Amino acid sequence: MHLIVGAMPIIRFHGDLHTVPSDKLNSEQVRILCTSLLESKQVDEKQVDEFERNGYLCFGLIHPELEYFHVTLYRHRGSMEAAN
């Protein structure tokens, strides 16, 4: 999933990118979604500190029923954004 301020969410399905039909995301919506990823039990405090310090973090999330997801959180123009 790609969470970008000013764009509709984008998901990757079988290698292809697809826009999710919805309103464009604002900065607060993206911040809430990105913060929920940082607050997951799979991200430790050291990683959160790294993101706060550098404005960039790559990590993995494992969903028992789906698969492994590589996530990149970053700050862009003062807002949080995410891609996988």
C-alpha atoms as a PDB file:
ATOM      1  CA  MET A   1       0.000   0.000   0.000  1.00  0.00           C
ATOM      2  CA  HIS A   2       1.177   3.531  -0.736  1.00  0.00           C
ATOM      3  CA  LEU A   3      -0.091   6.252   1.588  1.00  0.00           C
ATOM      4  CA  ILE A   4       0.689   9.656   0.129  1.00  0.00           C
ATOM      5  CA  VAL A   5      -0.716  13.030   1.125  1.00  0.00           C
ATOM      6  CA  GLY A   6      -2.945  14.418  -1.631  1.00  0.00           C
ATOM      7  CA  ALA A   7      -3.431  11.047  -3.373  1.00  0.00           C
ATOM      8  CA  MET A   8      -5.881   8.185  -3.117  1.00  0.00           C
ATOM      9  CA  PRO A   9      -4.452   5.081  -1.418  1.00  0.00           C
ATOM     10  CA  ILE A  10      -2.671   2.721  -3.802  1.00  0.00           C
ATOM     11  CA  ILE A  11      -2.356  -1.022  -3.301  1.00  0.00           C
ATOM     12  CA  ARG A  12      -0.048  -3.511  -4.965  1.00  0.00           C
ATOM     13  CA  PHE A  13      -1.818  -6.682  -6.106  1.00  0.00           C
ATOM     14  CA  HIS A  14       0.206  -9.376  -7.869  1.00  0.00           C
ATOM     15  CA  GLY A  15       2.874  -6.791  -8.661  1.00  0.00           C
ATOM     16  CA  ASP A  16       0.502  -4.235 -10.203  1.00  0.00           C
ATOM     17  CA  LEU A  17      -0.455  -0.929  -8.582  1.00  0.00           C
ATOM     18  CA  HIS A  18      -4.169  -0.129  -8.239  1.00  0.00           C
ATOM     19  CA  THR A  19      -5.751   3.066  -6.927  1.00  0.00           C
ATOM     20  CA  VAL A  20      -8.339   2.503  -4.208  1.00  0.00           C
ATOM     21  CA  PRO A  21     -11.465   4.475  -5.152  1.00  0.00           C
ATOM     22  CA  SER A  22     -11.780   6.941  -2.289  1.00  0.00           C
ATOM     23  CA  ASP A  23     -11.152  10.542  -1.392  1.00  0.00           C
ATOM     24  CA  LYS A  24      -7.588  11.760  -1.554  1.00  0.00           C
ATOM     25  CA  LEU A  25      -5.793  11.342   1.767  1.00  0.00           C
ATOM     26  CA  ASN A  26      -4.973  14.424   3.785  1.00  0.00           C
ATOM     27  CA  SER A  27      -1.938  14.837   6.031  1.00  0.00           C
ATOM     28  CA  GLU A  28      -3.809  13.907   9.218  1.00  0.00           C
ATOM     29  CA  GLN A  29      -5.260  10.702   7.733  1.00  0.00           C
ATOM     30  CA  VAL A  30      -1.840   9.572   6.514  1.00  0.00           C
ATOM     31  CA  ARG A  31      -0.267  10.469   9.875  1.00  0.00           C
ATOM     32  CA  ILE A  32      -2.842   8.354  11.738  1.00  0.00           C
ATOM     33  CA  LEU A  33      -2.309   5.361   9.431  1.00  0.00           C
ATOM     34  CA  CYS A  34       1.494   5.616   9.582  1.00  0.00           C
ATOM     35  CA  THR A  35       1.469   6.059  13.354  1.00  0.00           C
ATOM     36  CA  SER A  36      -0.623   2.892  13.699  1.00  0.00           C
ATOM     37  CA  LEU A  37       2.133   1.012  11.839  1.00  0.00           C
ATOM     38  CA  LEU A  38       4.768   2.435  14.195  1.00  0.00           C
ATOM     39  CA  GLU A  39       2.647   1.399  17.181  1.00  0.00           C
ATOM     40  CA  SER A  40       2.316  -2.219  16.029  1.00  0.00           C
ATOM     41  CA  LYS A  41       3.822  -4.874  18.263  1.00  0.00           C
ATOM     42  CA  GLN A  42       6.273  -5.702  15.470  1.00  0.00           C
ATOM     43  CA  VAL A  43       8.062  -2.342  15.665  1.00  0.00           C
ATOM     44  CA  ASP A  44      10.266  -1.822  18.708  1.00  0.00           C
ATOM     45  CA  GLU A  45      11.119   1.398  20.504  1.00  0.00           C
ATOM     46  CA  LYS A  46      14.589   1.548  18.947  1.00  0.00           C
ATOM     47  CA  GLN A  47      12.989   1.594  15.467  1.00  0.00           C
ATOM     48  CA  VAL A  48      10.530   4.320  16.496  1.00  0.00           C
ATOM     49  CA  ASP A  49      13.460   6.387  17.798  1.00  0.00           C
ATOM     50  CA  GLU A  50      15.286   5.819  14.501  1.00  0.00           C
ATOM     51  CA  PHE A  51      12.277   7.131  12.564  1.00  0.00           C
ATOM     52  CA  GLU A  52      11.978  10.166  14.839  1.00  0.00           C
ATOM     53  CA  ARG A  53      15.697  10.904  14.473  1.00  0.00           C
ATOM     54  CA  ASN A  54      16.125  10.245  10.721  1.00  0.00           C
ATOM     55  CA  GLY A  55      12.616  10.695   9.294  1.00  0.00           C
ATOM     56  CA  TYR A  56      12.975   7.347   7.535  1.00  0.00           C
ATOM     57  CA  LEU A  57      12.476   3.709   8.558  1.00  0.00           C
ATOM     58  CA  CYS A  58      12.328   0.387   6.728  1.00  0.00           C
ATOM     59  CA  PHE A  59      10.875  -2.594   8.579  1.00  0.00           C
ATOM     60  CA  GLY A  60       8.888  -5.773   8.042  1.00  0.00           C
ATOM     61  CA  LEU A  61       5.429  -6.742   9.222  1.00  0.00           C
ATOM     62  CA  ILE A  62       4.187 -10.319   9.324  1.00  0.00           C
ATOM     63  CA  HIS A  63       0.488 -11.109   9.050  1.00  0.00           C
ATOM     64  CA  PRO A  64      -0.204 -14.748   9.970  1.00  0.00           C
ATOM     65  CA  GLU A  65      -2.926 -15.195   7.353  1.00  0.00           C
ATOM     66  CA  LEU A  66      -1.428 -13.145   4.555  1.00  0.00           C
ATOM     67  CA  GLU A  67       2.327 -12.747   4.233  1.00  0.00           C
ATOM     68  CA  TYR A  68       5.369 -10.632   5.020  1.00  0.00           C
ATOM     69  CA  PHE A  69       5.186  -6.956   4.158  1.00  0.00           C
ATOM     70  CA  HIS A  70       8.187  -4.678   3.709  1.00  0.00           C
ATOM     71  CA  VAL A  71       7.259  -1.163   4.831  1.00  0.00           C
ATOM     72  CA  THR A  72       9.050   2.112   4.335  1.00  0.00           C
ATOM     73  CA  LEU A  73       7.901   5.079   6.402  1.00  0.00           C
ATOM     74  CA  TYR A  74       9.334   8.485   5.617  1.00  0.00           C
ATOM     75  CA  ARG A  75       8.771  12.187   6.015  1.00  0.00           C
ATOM     76  CA  HIS A  76       8.117  14.131   2.830  1.00  0.00           C
ATOM     77  CA  ARG A  77       7.519  17.881   2.832  1.00  0.00           C
ATOM     78  CA  GLY A  78       6.785  17.757   6.562  1.00  0.00           C
ATOM     79  CA  SER A  79       4.242  14.906   6.388  1.00  0.00           C
ATOM     80  CA  MET A  80       4.526  11.194   7.077  1.00  0.00           C
ATOM     81  CA  GLU A  81       4.071   8.866   4.099  1.00  0.00           C
ATOM     82  CA  ALA A  82       4.429   5.115   3.571  1.00  0.00           C
ATOM     83  CA  ALA A  83       5.122   2.627   0.821  1.00  0.00           C
ATOM     84  CA  ASN A  84       5.576  -1.116   0.617  1.00  0.00           C
END
